[in-house]
Amino acid sequence: MKTSTPWPAHFKWSYGKRVQKRKGSSWHGTICGWYTSDLTPEGYAVESELEKGSVQIYPVSALEAI
């Protein structure tokens, strides 16, 4: 899906990268979006590989590549 806002060039991962949560409950999926906030300068929306359409958001520090 294309957006009108360009993907930040300095972000660690790009659209479609496979990632998983590093700790706690598990979540495996692909990057489907990004966000920024005052508390999270680099965050990602991750769509589950098992439950298509289910999306969770995480800061970059909570994710690792798979």
Protein backbone atom coordinates (compact mmCIF):
# COMPACT_ATOMS: atom_id res chain seq x y z
CA MET A 1 0.00 0.00 0.00
CA LYS A 2 1.40 3.38 -0.96
CA THR A 3 0.93 6.45 1.18
CA SER A 4 1.33 10.11 0.37
CA THR A 5 3.89 10.48 3.16
CA PRO A 6 7.35 9.21 2.18
CA TRP A 7 8.95 6.46 4.26
CA PRO A 8 11.61 8.06 6.49
CA ALA A 9 15.02 7.28 4.97
CA HIS A 10 16.70 7.09 8.39
CA PHE A 11 14.34 4.38 9.75
CA LYS A 12 15.91 0.97 10.45
CA TRP A 13 13.43 -1.16 8.45
CA SER A 14 11.38 -0.70 5.31
CA TYR A 15 7.90 -1.76 4.26
CA GLY A 16 7.51 -5.55 4.03
CA LYS A 17 10.44 -6.48 6.33
CA ARG A 18 9.72 -9.58 8.46
CA VAL A 19 10.10 -8.89 12.19
CA GLN A 20 9.17 -10.33 15.56
CA LYS A 21 8.83 -9.01 19.10
CA ARG A 22 12.01 -9.39 21.10
CA LYS A 23 10.46 -10.06 24.55
CA GLY A 24 7.17 -10.96 26.21
CA SER A 25 4.23 -12.17 24.16
CA SER A 26 5.10 -13.24 20.63
CA TRP A 27 4.17 -11.38 17.46
CA HIS A 28 5.58 -12.29 14.05
CA GLY A 29 4.76 -10.38 10.93
CA THR A 30 5.69 -7.85 8.34
CA ILE A 31 6.16 -4.10 8.60
CA CYS A 32 3.10 -2.43 7.08
CA GLY A 33 3.49 1.13 8.32
CA TRP A 34 5.40 3.52 10.53
CA TYR A 35 4.71 6.19 13.12
CA THR A 36 6.40 8.78 15.27
CA SER A 37 5.37 10.42 18.52
CA ASP A 38 6.96 12.44 21.31
CA LEU A 39 7.77 9.21 23.19
CA THR A 40 8.51 7.03 20.15
CA PRO A 41 10.59 8.73 17.47
CA GLU A 42 10.69 5.50 15.40
CA GLY A 43 7.79 3.06 15.53
CA TYR A 44 6.28 0.46 13.24
CA ALA A 45 2.93 -1.14 12.48
CA VAL A 46 3.36 -4.91 12.13
CA GLU A 47 0.74 -7.10 10.44
CA SER A 48 0.57 -10.63 11.88
CA GLU A 49 1.65 -13.53 9.66
CA LEU A 50 -0.95 -15.77 11.30
CA GLU A 51 -3.93 -13.42 11.56
CA LYS A 52 -4.05 -11.36 8.36
CA GLY A 53 -5.41 -7.90 9.01
CA SER A 54 -4.38 -7.91 12.67
CA VAL A 55 -1.88 -5.12 13.28
CA GLN A 56 0.07 -4.09 16.36
CA ILE A 57 2.33 -1.07 16.78
CA TYR A 58 5.76 -1.23 18.42
CA PRO A 59 8.77 1.02 18.94
CA VAL A 60 11.88 -0.02 17.03
CA SER A 61 13.51 -1.22 20.27
CA ALA A 62 10.81 -3.90 20.74
CA LEU A 63 11.44 -5.58 17.38
CA GLU A 64 14.08 -7.75 15.73
CA ALA A 65 14.46 -9.02 12.17
CA ILE A 66 13.57 -12.64 11.33
